[in-house]
Amino acid sequence: MLRFRFSMCSGPASGAERLVSGVTATLSSAREIAAGEPLARALCVLLIAFWSLRVIAMAFIFDVRPYLTHWFYRLGYHAINLVFIYLLAVYVFAAWKGGKF
């Protein structure tokens, strides 16, 4: 009998798999995204939703203060948040302009 915990939607690797698939989709279709193809815009909208939820979750849902015990951890946490916000801005710009640079 299959159990839910063995499905592809759960497990610690599912978040990493989503990140890798998003990066792969972006890099493999960079020309189409820059040209403003409709499917590329749909991909941008999907990634906008993903990164928006990721930024909201990091800002308001997860409490990471107990884990930020060293200045190096705090620096890394804020750096990764800036990268996530940058990615969100890039996809918003690509979906908004879509080949009209």
PDB file of N, CA and C in Angstrom:
ATOM      1  N   MET A   1       0.844  -1.179   0.000  1.00  0.00           N
ATOM      2  CA  MET A   1       0.000   0.000   0.000  1.00  0.00           C
ATOM      3  C   MET A   1       0.892   1.246   0.000  1.00  0.00           C
ATOM      4  N   LEU A   2       0.585   2.210  -0.853  1.00  0.00           N
ATOM      5  CA  LEU A   2       1.350   3.444  -0.904  1.00  0.00           C
ATOM      6  C   LEU A   2       0.954   4.357   0.235  1.00  0.00           C
ATOM      7  N   ARG A   3       1.922   5.017   0.769  1.00  0.00           N
ATOM      8  CA  ARG A   3       1.663   5.999   1.822  1.00  0.00           C
ATOM      9  C   ARG A   3       2.004   7.382   1.289  1.00  0.00           C
ATOM     10  N   PHE A   4       1.360   8.375   1.866  1.00  0.00           N
ATOM     11  CA  PHE A   4       1.551   9.733   1.393  1.00  0.00           C
ATOM     12  C   PHE A   4       2.989  10.194   1.556  1.00  0.00           C
ATOM     13  N   ARG A   5       3.667   9.767   2.585  1.00  0.00           N
ATOM     14  CA  ARG A   5       5.012  10.268   2.845  1.00  0.00           C
ATOM     15  C   ARG A   5       6.011   9.829   1.786  1.00  0.00           C
ATOM     16  N   PHE A   6       5.642   8.829   0.975  1.00  0.00           N
ATOM     17  CA  PHE A   6       6.529   8.395  -0.080  1.00  0.00           C
ATOM     18  C   PHE A   6       6.204   9.051  -1.417  1.00  0.00           C
ATOM     19  N   SER A   7       5.257   9.936  -1.426  1.00  0.00           N
ATOM     20  CA  SER A   7       4.904  10.589  -2.689  1.00  0.00           C
ATOM     21  C   SER A   7       5.939  11.669  -3.012  1.00  0.00           C
ATOM     22  N   MET A   8       5.871  12.166  -4.232  1.00  0.00           N
ATOM     23  CA  MET A   8       6.832  13.169  -4.668  1.00  0.00           C
ATOM     24  C   MET A   8       6.572  14.531  -4.041  1.00  0.00           C
ATOM     25  N   CYS A   9       5.402  14.712  -3.445  1.00  0.00           N
ATOM     26  CA  CYS A   9       5.051  16.014  -2.890  1.00  0.00           C
ATOM     27  C   CYS A   9       5.574  16.221  -1.485  1.00  0.00           C
ATOM     28  N   SER A  10       6.119  15.221  -0.880  1.00  0.00           N
ATOM     29  CA  SER A  10       6.585  15.384   0.490  1.00  0.00           C
ATOM     30  C   SER A  10       8.048  15.015   0.582  1.00  0.00           C
ATOM     31  N   GLY A  11       8.612  15.321   1.707  1.00  0.00           N
ATOM     32  CA  GLY A  11       9.996  14.960   1.946  1.00  0.00           C
ATOM     33  C   GLY A  11      10.901  16.172   1.915  1.00  0.00           C
ATOM     34  N   PRO A  12      12.076  16.050   2.484  1.00  0.00           N
ATOM     35  CA  PRO A  12      12.986  17.198   2.567  1.00  0.00           C
ATOM     36  C   PRO A  12      13.560  17.603   1.228  1.00  0.00           C
ATOM     37  N   ALA A  13      13.603  16.700   0.274  1.00  0.00           N
ATOM     38  CA  ALA A  13      14.196  17.029  -1.017  1.00  0.00           C
ATOM     39  C   ALA A  13      13.226  17.744  -1.946  1.00  0.00           C
ATOM     40  N   SER A  14      11.944  17.775  -1.627  1.00  0.00           N
ATOM     41  CA  SER A  14      10.985  18.362  -2.556  1.00  0.00           C
ATOM     42  C   SER A  14      11.213  19.855  -2.749  1.00  0.00           C
ATOM     43  N   GLY A  15      11.609  20.571  -1.723  1.00  0.00           N
ATOM     44  CA  GLY A  15      11.915  21.995  -1.869  1.00  0.00           C
ATOM     45  C   GLY A  15      13.122  22.220  -2.754  1.00  0.00           C
ATOM     46  N   ALA A  16      14.155  21.415  -2.558  1.00  0.00           N
ATOM     47  CA  ALA A  16      15.346  21.528  -3.389  1.00  0.00           C
ATOM     48  C   ALA A  16      15.039  21.142  -4.828  1.00  0.00           C
ATOM     49  N   GLU A  17      14.185  20.154  -5.007  1.00  0.00           N
ATOM     50  CA  GLU A  17      13.809  19.755  -6.360  1.00  0.00           C
ATOM     51  C   GLU A  17      13.058  20.873  -7.069  1.00  0.00           C
ATOM     52  N   ARG A  18      12.208  21.574  -6.349  1.00  0.00           N
ATOM     53  CA  ARG A  18      11.491  22.702  -6.958  1.00  0.00           C
ATOM     54  C   ARG A  18      12.452  23.814  -7.354  1.00  0.00           C
ATOM     55  N   LEU A  19      13.425  24.092  -6.488  1.00  0.00           N
ATOM     56  CA  LEU A  19      14.403  25.127  -6.803  1.00  0.00           C
ATOM     57  C   LEU A  19      15.229  24.752  -8.028  1.00  0.00           C
ATOM     58  N   VAL A  20      15.691  23.520  -8.082  1.00  0.00           N
ATOM     59  CA  VAL A  20      16.502  23.070  -9.208  1.00  0.00           C
ATOM     60  C   VAL A  20      15.682  23.080 -10.498  1.00  0.00           C
ATOM     61  N   SER A  21      14.427  22.658 -10.427  1.00  0.00           N
ATOM     62  CA  SER A  21      13.599  22.657 -11.639  1.00  0.00           C
ATOM     63  C   SER A  21      13.310  24.077 -12.107  1.00  0.00           C
ATOM     64  N   GLY A  22      13.127  25.009 -11.192  1.00  0.00           N
ATOM     65  CA  GLY A  22      12.909  26.405 -11.582  1.00  0.00           C
ATOM     66  C   GLY A  22      14.131  27.016 -12.236  1.00  0.00           C
ATOM     67  N   VAL A  23      15.302  26.733 -11.676  1.00  0.00           N
ATOM     68  CA  VAL A  23      16.544  27.239 -12.257  1.00  0.00           C
ATOM     69  C   VAL A  23      16.783  26.608 -13.621  1.00  0.00           C
ATOM     70  N   THR A  24      16.552  25.309 -13.730  1.00  0.00           N
ATOM     71  CA  THR A  24      16.745  24.618 -14.999  1.00  0.00           C
ATOM     72  C   THR A  24      15.795  25.153 -16.062  1.00  0.00           C
ATOM     73  N   ALA A  25      14.548  25.350 -15.703  1.00  0.00           N
ATOM     74  CA  ALA A  25      13.578  25.887 -16.657  1.00  0.00           C
ATOM     75  C   ALA A  25      13.952  27.299 -17.088  1.00  0.00           C
ATOM     76  N   THR A  26      14.459  28.083 -16.163  1.00  0.00           N
ATOM     77  CA  THR A  26      14.849  29.452 -16.493  1.00  0.00           C
ATOM     78  C   THR A  26      16.060  29.477 -17.413  1.00  0.00           C
ATOM     79  N   LEU A  27      17.077  28.700 -17.072  1.00  0.00           N
ATOM     80  CA  LEU A  27      18.296  28.720 -17.875  1.00  0.00           C
ATOM     81  C   LEU A  27      18.095  28.093 -19.250  1.00  0.00           C
ATOM     82  N   SER A  28      17.259  27.083 -19.336  1.00  0.00           N
ATOM     83  CA  SER A  28      17.044  26.429 -20.623  1.00  0.00           C
ATOM     84  C   SER A  28      16.143  27.243 -21.550  1.00  0.00           C
ATOM     85  N   SER A  29      15.392  28.164 -21.025  1.00  0.00           N
ATOM     86  CA  SER A  29      14.497  28.964 -21.862  1.00  0.00           C
ATOM     87  C   SER A  29      14.776  30.458 -21.723  1.00  0.00           C
ATOM     88  N   ALA A  30      16.043  30.815 -21.543  1.00  0.00           N
ATOM     89  CA  ALA A  30      16.406  32.223 -21.344  1.00  0.00           C
ATOM     90  C   ALA A  30      16.076  33.073 -22.569  1.00  0.00           C
ATOM     91  N   ARG A  31      16.327  32.561 -23.759  1.00  0.00           N
ATOM     92  CA  ARG A  31      16.023  33.337 -24.980  1.00  0.00           C
ATOM     93  C   ARG A  31      14.524  33.572 -25.126  1.00  0.00           C
ATOM     94  N   GLU A  32      13.727  32.550 -24.847  1.00  0.00           N
ATOM     95  CA  GLU A  32      12.278  32.684 -24.963  1.00  0.00           C
ATOM     96  C   GLU A  32      11.735  33.661 -23.920  1.00  0.00           C
ATOM     97  N   ILE A  33      12.305  33.616 -22.714  1.00  0.00           N
ATOM     98  CA  ILE A  33      11.871  34.558 -21.681  1.00  0.00           C
ATOM     99  C   ILE A  33      12.210  35.976 -22.098  1.00  0.00           C
ATOM    100  N   ALA A  34      13.405  36.177 -22.641  1.00  0.00           N
ATOM    101  CA  ALA A  34      13.810  37.512 -23.076  1.00  0.00           C
ATOM    102  C   ALA A  34      12.994  37.994 -24.271  1.00  0.00           C
ATOM    103  N   ALA A  35      12.546  37.050 -25.106  1.00  0.00           N
ATOM    104  CA  ALA A  35      11.749  37.428 -26.281  1.00  0.00           C
ATOM    105  C   ALA A  35      10.296  37.711 -25.936  1.00  0.00           C
ATOM    106  N   GLY A  36       9.843  37.258 -24.777  1.00  0.00           N
ATOM    107  CA  GLY A  36       8.474  37.525 -24.364  1.00  0.00           C
ATOM    108  C   GLY A  36       7.467  36.525 -24.888  1.00  0.00           C
ATOM    109  N   GLU A  37       7.881  35.297 -25.129  1.00  0.00           N
ATOM    110  CA  GLU A  37       6.966  34.252 -25.579  1.00  0.00           C
ATOM    111  C   GLU A  37       5.877  34.025 -24.529  1.00  0.00           C
ATOM    112  N   PRO A  38       4.659  33.658 -24.937  1.00  0.00           N
ATOM    113  CA  PRO A  38       3.571  33.461 -23.975  1.00  0.00           C
ATOM    114  C   PRO A  38       3.855  32.379 -22.934  1.00  0.00           C
ATOM    115  N   LEU A  39       4.456  31.277 -23.370  1.00  0.00           N
ATOM    116  CA  LEU A  39       4.777  30.213 -22.413  1.00  0.00           C
ATOM    117  C   LEU A  39       5.844  30.676 -21.426  1.00  0.00           C
ATOM    118  N   ALA A  40       6.772  31.493 -21.892  1.00  0.00           N
ATOM    119  CA  ALA A  40       7.805  32.029 -21.008  1.00  0.00           C
ATOM    120  C   ALA A  40       7.197  32.980 -19.981  1.00  0.00           C
ATOM    121  N   ARG A  41       6.233  33.753 -20.411  1.00  0.00           N
ATOM    122  CA  ARG A  41       5.554  34.635 -19.447  1.00  0.00           C
ATOM    123  C   ARG A  41       4.785  33.831 -18.407  1.00  0.00           C
ATOM    124  N   ALA A  42       4.192  32.728 -18.842  1.00  0.00           N
ATOM    125  CA  ALA A  42       3.498  31.852 -17.893  1.00  0.00           C
ATOM    126  C   ALA A  42       4.483  31.263 -16.895  1.00  0.00           C
ATOM    127  N   LEU A  43       5.665  30.881 -17.357  1.00  0.00           N
ATOM    128  CA  LEU A  43       6.696  30.391 -16.461  1.00  0.00           C
ATOM    129  C   LEU A  43       7.105  31.469 -15.473  1.00  0.00           C
ATOM    130  N   CYS A  44       7.234  32.697 -15.955  1.00  0.00           N
ATOM    131  CA  CYS A  44       7.579  33.810 -15.065  1.00  0.00           C
ATOM    132  C   CYS A  44       6.499  34.028 -14.005  1.00  0.00           C
ATOM    133  N   VAL A  45       5.254  33.936 -14.387  1.00  0.00           N
ATOM    134  CA  VAL A  45       4.163  34.107 -13.424  1.00  0.00           C
ATOM    135  C   VAL A  45       4.197  33.001 -12.379  1.00  0.00           C
ATOM    136  N   LEU A  46       4.460  31.780 -12.811  1.00  0.00           N
ATOM    137  CA  LEU A  46       4.589  30.672 -11.875  1.00  0.00           C
ATOM    138  C   LEU A  46       5.742  30.900 -10.903  1.00  0.00           C
ATOM    139  N   LEU A  47       6.871  31.345 -11.414  1.00  0.00           N
ATOM    140  CA  LEU A  47       8.024  31.589 -10.544  1.00  0.00           C
ATOM    141  C   LEU A  47       7.829  32.831  -9.672  1.00  0.00           C
ATOM    142  N   ILE A  48       7.062  33.786 -10.145  1.00  0.00           N
ATOM    143  CA  ILE A  48       6.708  34.933  -9.298  1.00  0.00           C
ATOM    144  C   ILE A  48       5.894  34.457  -8.103  1.00  0.00           C
ATOM    145  N   ALA A  49       4.937  33.590  -8.357  1.00  0.00           N
ATOM    146  CA  ALA A  49       4.129  33.052  -7.255  1.00  0.00           C
ATOM    147  C   ALA A  49       5.001  32.269  -6.282  1.00  0.00           C
ATOM    148  N   PHE A  50       5.909  31.441  -6.803  1.00  0.00           N
ATOM    149  CA  PHE A  50       6.782  30.653  -5.932  1.00  0.00           C
ATOM    150  C   PHE A  50       7.659  31.552  -5.074  1.00  0.00           C
ATOM    151  N   TRP A  51       8.355  32.503  -5.696  1.00  0.00           N
ATOM    152  CA  TRP A  51       9.275  33.345  -4.931  1.00  0.00           C
ATOM    153  C   TRP A  51       8.525  34.287  -4.000  1.00  0.00           C
ATOM    154  N   SER A  52       7.334  34.730  -4.386  1.00  0.00           N
ATOM    155  CA  SER A  52       6.532  35.563  -3.472  1.00  0.00           C
ATOM    156  C   SER A  52       6.170  34.786  -2.213  1.00  0.00           C
ATOM    157  N   LEU A  53       5.686  33.569  -2.403  1.00  0.00           N
ATOM    158  CA  LEU A  53       5.344  32.744  -1.237  1.00  0.00           C
ATOM    159  C   LEU A  53       6.576  32.415  -0.412  1.00  0.00           C
ATOM    160  N   ARG A  54       7.706  32.210  -1.069  1.00  0.00           N
ATOM    161  CA  ARG A  54       8.945  31.901  -0.357  1.00  0.00           C
ATOM    162  C   ARG A  54       9.381  33.090   0.497  1.00  0.00           C
ATOM    163  N   VAL A  55       9.321  34.291  -0.055  1.00  0.00           N
ATOM    164  CA  VAL A  55       9.711  35.491   0.697  1.00  0.00           C
ATOM    165  C   VAL A  55       8.732  35.746   1.842  1.00  0.00           C
ATOM    166  N   ILE A  56       7.450  35.580   1.587  1.00  0.00           N
ATOM    167  CA  ILE A  56       6.447  35.768   2.650  1.00  0.00           C
ATOM    168  C   ILE A  56       6.647  34.746   3.757  1.00  0.00           C
ATOM    169  N   ALA A  57       6.918  33.514   3.396  1.00  0.00           N
ATOM    170  CA  ALA A  57       7.136  32.477   4.408  1.00  0.00           C
ATOM    171  C   ALA A  57       8.373  32.774   5.242  1.00  0.00           C
ATOM    172  N   MET A  58       9.446  33.204   4.592  1.00  0.00           N
ATOM    173  CA  MET A  58      10.659  33.500   5.356  1.00  0.00           C
ATOM    174  C   MET A  58      10.469  34.713   6.255  1.00  0.00           C
ATOM    175  N   ALA A  59       9.657  35.665   5.826  1.00  0.00           N
ATOM    176  CA  ALA A  59       9.485  36.885   6.606  1.00  0.00           C
ATOM    177  C   ALA A  59       8.481  36.737   7.746  1.00  0.00           C
ATOM    178  N   PHE A  60       7.396  35.998   7.507  1.00  0.00           N
ATOM    179  CA  PHE A  60       6.303  36.019   8.474  1.00  0.00           C
ATOM    180  C   PHE A  60       5.955  34.678   9.108  1.00  0.00           C
ATOM    181  N   ILE A  61       6.336  33.575   8.507  1.00  0.00           N
ATOM    182  CA  ILE A  61       5.927  32.277   9.036  1.00  0.00           C
ATOM    183  C   ILE A  61       7.011  31.617   9.862  1.00  0.00           C
ATOM    184  N   PHE A  62       8.216  31.526   9.284  1.00  0.00           N
ATOM    185  CA  PHE A  62       9.299  30.825   9.968  1.00  0.00           C
ATOM    186  C   PHE A  62       9.995  31.735  10.969  1.00  0.00           C
ATOM    187  N   ASP A  63      10.236  31.222  12.160  1.00  0.00           N
ATOM    188  CA  ASP A  63      10.990  31.942  13.174  1.00  0.00           C
ATOM    189  C   ASP A  63      12.376  31.302  13.257  1.00  0.00           C
ATOM    190  N   VAL A  64      13.336  31.949  12.635  1.00  0.00           N
ATOM    191  CA  VAL A  64      14.681  31.381  12.582  1.00  0.00           C
ATOM    192  C   VAL A  64      15.621  31.992  13.610  1.00  0.00           C
ATOM    193  N   ARG A  65      15.117  32.870  14.450  1.00  0.00           N
ATOM    194  CA  ARG A  65      15.987  33.523  15.431  1.00  0.00           C
ATOM    195  C   ARG A  65      16.748  32.558  16.321  1.00  0.00           C
ATOM    196  N   PRO A  66      16.170  31.441  16.750  1.00  0.00           N
ATOM    197  CA  PRO A  66      16.960  30.529  17.579  1.00  0.00           C
ATOM    198  C   PRO A  66      18.160  29.923  16.851  1.00  0.00           C
ATOM    199  N   TYR A  67      18.120  29.900  15.537  1.00  0.00           N
ATOM    200  CA  TYR A  67      19.206  29.301  14.769  1.00  0.00           C
ATOM    201  C   TYR A  67      20.264  30.308  14.342  1.00  0.00           C
ATOM    202  N   LEU A  68      19.956  31.585  14.447  1.00  0.00           N
ATOM    203  CA  LEU A  68      20.905  32.622  14.042  1.00  0.00           C
ATOM    204  C   LEU A  68      21.771  33.019  15.243  1.00  0.00           C
ATOM    205  N   THR A  69      22.587  32.107  15.687  1.00  0.00           N
ATOM    206  CA  THR A  69      23.367  32.295  16.912  1.00  0.00           C
ATOM    207  C   THR A  69      24.698  32.978  16.672  1.00  0.00           C
ATOM    208  N   HIS A  70      25.144  33.031  15.464  1.00  0.00           N
ATOM    209  CA  HIS A  70      26.449  33.597  15.150  1.00  0.00           C
ATOM    210  C   HIS A  70      26.273  34.657  14.070  1.00  0.00           C
ATOM    211  N   TRP A  71      27.155  35.647  14.035  1.00  0.00           N
ATOM    212  CA  TRP A  71      27.033  36.718  13.048  1.00  0.00           C
ATOM    213  C   TRP A  71      27.098  36.174  11.629  1.00  0.00           C
ATOM    214  N   PHE A  72      27.847  35.097  11.431  1.00  0.00           N
ATOM    215  CA  PHE A  72      27.966  34.500  10.108  1.00  0.00           C
ATOM    216  C   PHE A  72      26.627  33.930   9.646  1.00  0.00           C
ATOM    217  N   TYR A  73      25.873  33.315  10.534  1.00  0.00           N
ATOM    218  CA  TYR A  73      24.548  32.785  10.197  1.00  0.00           C
ATOM    219  C   TYR A  73      23.573  33.912   9.874  1.00  0.00           C
ATOM    220  N   ARG A  74      23.634  34.989  10.649  1.00  0.00           N
ATOM    221  CA  ARG A  74      22.760  36.134  10.374  1.00  0.00           C
ATOM    222  C   ARG A  74      23.080  36.762   9.020  1.00  0.00           C
ATOM    223  N   LEU A  75      24.367  36.886   8.720  1.00  0.00           N
ATOM    224  CA  LEU A  75      24.783  37.441   7.436  1.00  0.00           C
ATOM    225  C   LEU A  75      24.292  36.561   6.285  1.00  0.00           C
ATOM    226  N   GLY A  76      24.448  35.255   6.416  1.00  0.00           N
ATOM    227  CA  GLY A  76      23.982  34.338   5.385  1.00  0.00           C
ATOM    228  C   GLY A  76      22.477  34.374   5.214  1.00  0.00           C
ATOM    229  N   TYR A  77      21.755  34.477   6.327  1.00  0.00           N
ATOM    230  CA  TYR A  77      20.295  34.539   6.272  1.00  0.00           C
ATOM    231  C   TYR A  77      19.829  35.785   5.519  1.00  0.00           C
ATOM    232  N   HIS A  78      20.432  36.921   5.829  1.00  0.00           N
ATOM    233  CA  HIS A  78      20.030  38.153   5.154  1.00  0.00           C
ATOM    234  C   HIS A  78      20.486  38.149   3.694  1.00  0.00           C
ATOM    235  N   ALA A  79      21.633  37.545   3.417  1.00  0.00           N
ATOM    236  CA  ALA A  79      22.101  37.465   2.025  1.00  0.00           C
ATOM    237  C   ALA A  79      21.163  36.602   1.189  1.00  0.00           C
ATOM    238  N   ILE A  80      20.736  35.480   1.729  1.00  0.00           N
ATOM    239  CA  ILE A  80      19.834  34.609   0.957  1.00  0.00           C
ATOM    240  C   ILE A  80      18.469  35.278   0.766  1.00  0.00           C
ATOM    241  N   ASN A  81      18.023  36.057   1.743  1.00  0.00           N
ATOM    242  CA  ASN A  81      16.779  36.800   1.572  1.00  0.00           C
ATOM    243  C   ASN A  81      16.909  37.833   0.453  1.00  0.00           C
ATOM    244  N   LEU A  82      18.057  38.482   0.374  1.00  0.00           N
ATOM    245  CA  LEU A  82      18.273  39.446  -0.705  1.00  0.00           C
ATOM    246  C   LEU A  82      18.298  38.748  -2.066  1.00  0.00           C
ATOM    247  N   VAL A  83      18.883  37.566  -2.136  1.00  0.00           N
ATOM    248  CA  VAL A  83      18.883  36.807  -3.390  1.00  0.00           C
ATOM    249  C   VAL A  83      17.460  36.439  -3.783  1.00  0.00           C
ATOM    250  N   PHE A  84      16.644  36.007  -2.815  1.00  0.00           N
ATOM    251  CA  PHE A  84      15.259  35.648  -3.109  1.00  0.00           C
ATOM    252  C   PHE A  84      14.470  36.859  -3.595  1.00  0.00           C
ATOM    253  N   ILE A  85      14.668  37.999  -2.987  1.00  0.00           N
ATOM    254  CA  ILE A  85      13.978  39.219  -3.410  1.00  0.00           C
ATOM    255  C   ILE A  85      14.453  39.647  -4.794  1.00  0.00           C
ATOM    256  N   TYR A  86      15.746  39.491  -5.062  1.00  0.00           N
ATOM    257  CA  TYR A  86      16.286  39.800  -6.387  1.00  0.00           C
ATOM    258  C   TYR A  86      15.645  38.908  -7.454  1.00  0.00           C
ATOM    259  N   LEU A  87      15.561  37.616  -7.181  1.00  0.00           N
ATOM    260  CA  LEU A  87      14.940  36.699  -8.138  1.00  0.00           C
ATOM    261  C   LEU A  87      13.479  37.064  -8.387  1.00  0.00           C
ATOM    262  N   LEU A  88      12.784  37.419  -7.336  1.00  0.00           N
ATOM    263  CA  LEU A  88      11.397  37.850  -7.489  1.00  0.00           C
ATOM    264  C   LEU A  88      11.316  39.081  -8.389  1.00  0.00           C
ATOM    265  N   ALA A  89      12.205  40.048  -8.177  1.00  0.00           N
ATOM    266  CA  ALA A  89      12.202  41.261  -8.996  1.00  0.00           C
ATOM    267  C   ALA A  89      12.532  40.959 -10.455  1.00  0.00           C
ATOM    268  N   VAL A  90      13.469  40.043 -10.688  1.00  0.00           N
ATOM    269  CA  VAL A  90      13.837  39.682 -12.063  1.00  0.00           C
ATOM    270  C   VAL A  90      12.647  39.065 -12.793  1.00  0.00           C
ATOM    271  N   TYR A  91      11.937  38.155 -12.136  1.00  0.00           N
ATOM    272  CA  TYR A  91      10.801  37.509 -12.797  1.00  0.00           C
ATOM    273  C   TYR A  91       9.640  38.480 -12.992  1.00  0.00           C
ATOM    274  N   VAL A  92       9.432  39.377 -12.071  1.00  0.00           N
ATOM    275  CA  VAL A  92       8.388  40.393 -12.255  1.00  0.00           C
ATOM    276  C   VAL A  92       8.729  41.275 -13.456  1.00  0.00           C
ATOM    277  N   PHE A  93       9.989  41.676 -13.532  1.00  0.00           N
ATOM    278  CA  PHE A  93      10.414  42.516 -14.657  1.00  0.00           C
ATOM    279  C   PHE A  93      10.274  41.772 -15.979  1.00  0.00           C
ATOM    280  N   ALA A  94      10.679  40.501 -16.001  1.00  0.00           N
ATOM    281  CA  ALA A  94      10.587  39.716 -17.242  1.00  0.00           C
ATOM    282  C   ALA A  94       9.145  39.490 -17.664  1.00  0.00           C
ATOM    283  N   ALA A  95       8.264  39.242 -16.717  1.00  0.00           N
ATOM    284  CA  ALA A  95       6.840  39.045 -17.052  1.00  0.00           C
ATOM    285  C   ALA A  95       6.189  40.358 -17.476  1.00  0.00           C
ATOM    286  N   TRP A  96       6.610  41.460 -16.868  1.00  0.00           N
ATOM    287  CA  TRP A  96       6.011  42.762 -17.142  1.00  0.00           C
ATOM    288  C   TRP A  96       6.481  43.302 -18.504  1.00  0.00           C
ATOM    289  N   LYS A  97       7.782  43.291 -18.729  1.00  0.00           N
ATOM    290  CA  LYS A  97       8.324  43.838 -19.981  1.00  0.00           C
ATOM    291  C   LYS A  97       8.190  42.835 -21.110  1.00  0.00           C
ATOM    292  N   GLY A  98       8.599  41.605 -20.909  1.00  0.00           N
ATOM    293  CA  GLY A  98       8.427  40.533 -21.878  1.00  0.00           C
ATOM    294  C   GLY A  98       8.889  40.811 -23.286  1.00  0.00           C
ATOM    295  N   GLY A  99      10.164  41.076 -23.501  1.00  0.00           N
ATOM    296  CA  GLY A  99      10.701  41.286 -24.830  1.00  0.00           C
ATOM    297  C   GLY A  99      10.718  42.739 -25.279  1.00  0.00           C
ATOM    298  N   LYS A 100      10.266  43.646 -24.450  1.00  0.00           N
ATOM    299  CA  LYS A 100      10.251  45.078 -24.803  1.00  0.00           C
ATOM    300  C   LYS A 100      11.279  45.837 -23.989  1.00  0.00           C
ATOM    301  N   PHE A 101      12.521  45.348 -24.025  1.00  0.00           N
ATOM    302  CA  PHE A 101      13.584  45.986 -23.220  1.00  0.00           C
ATOM    303  C   PHE A 101      14.093  47.220 -23.891  1.00  0.00           C
TER     304      PHE A 101
END
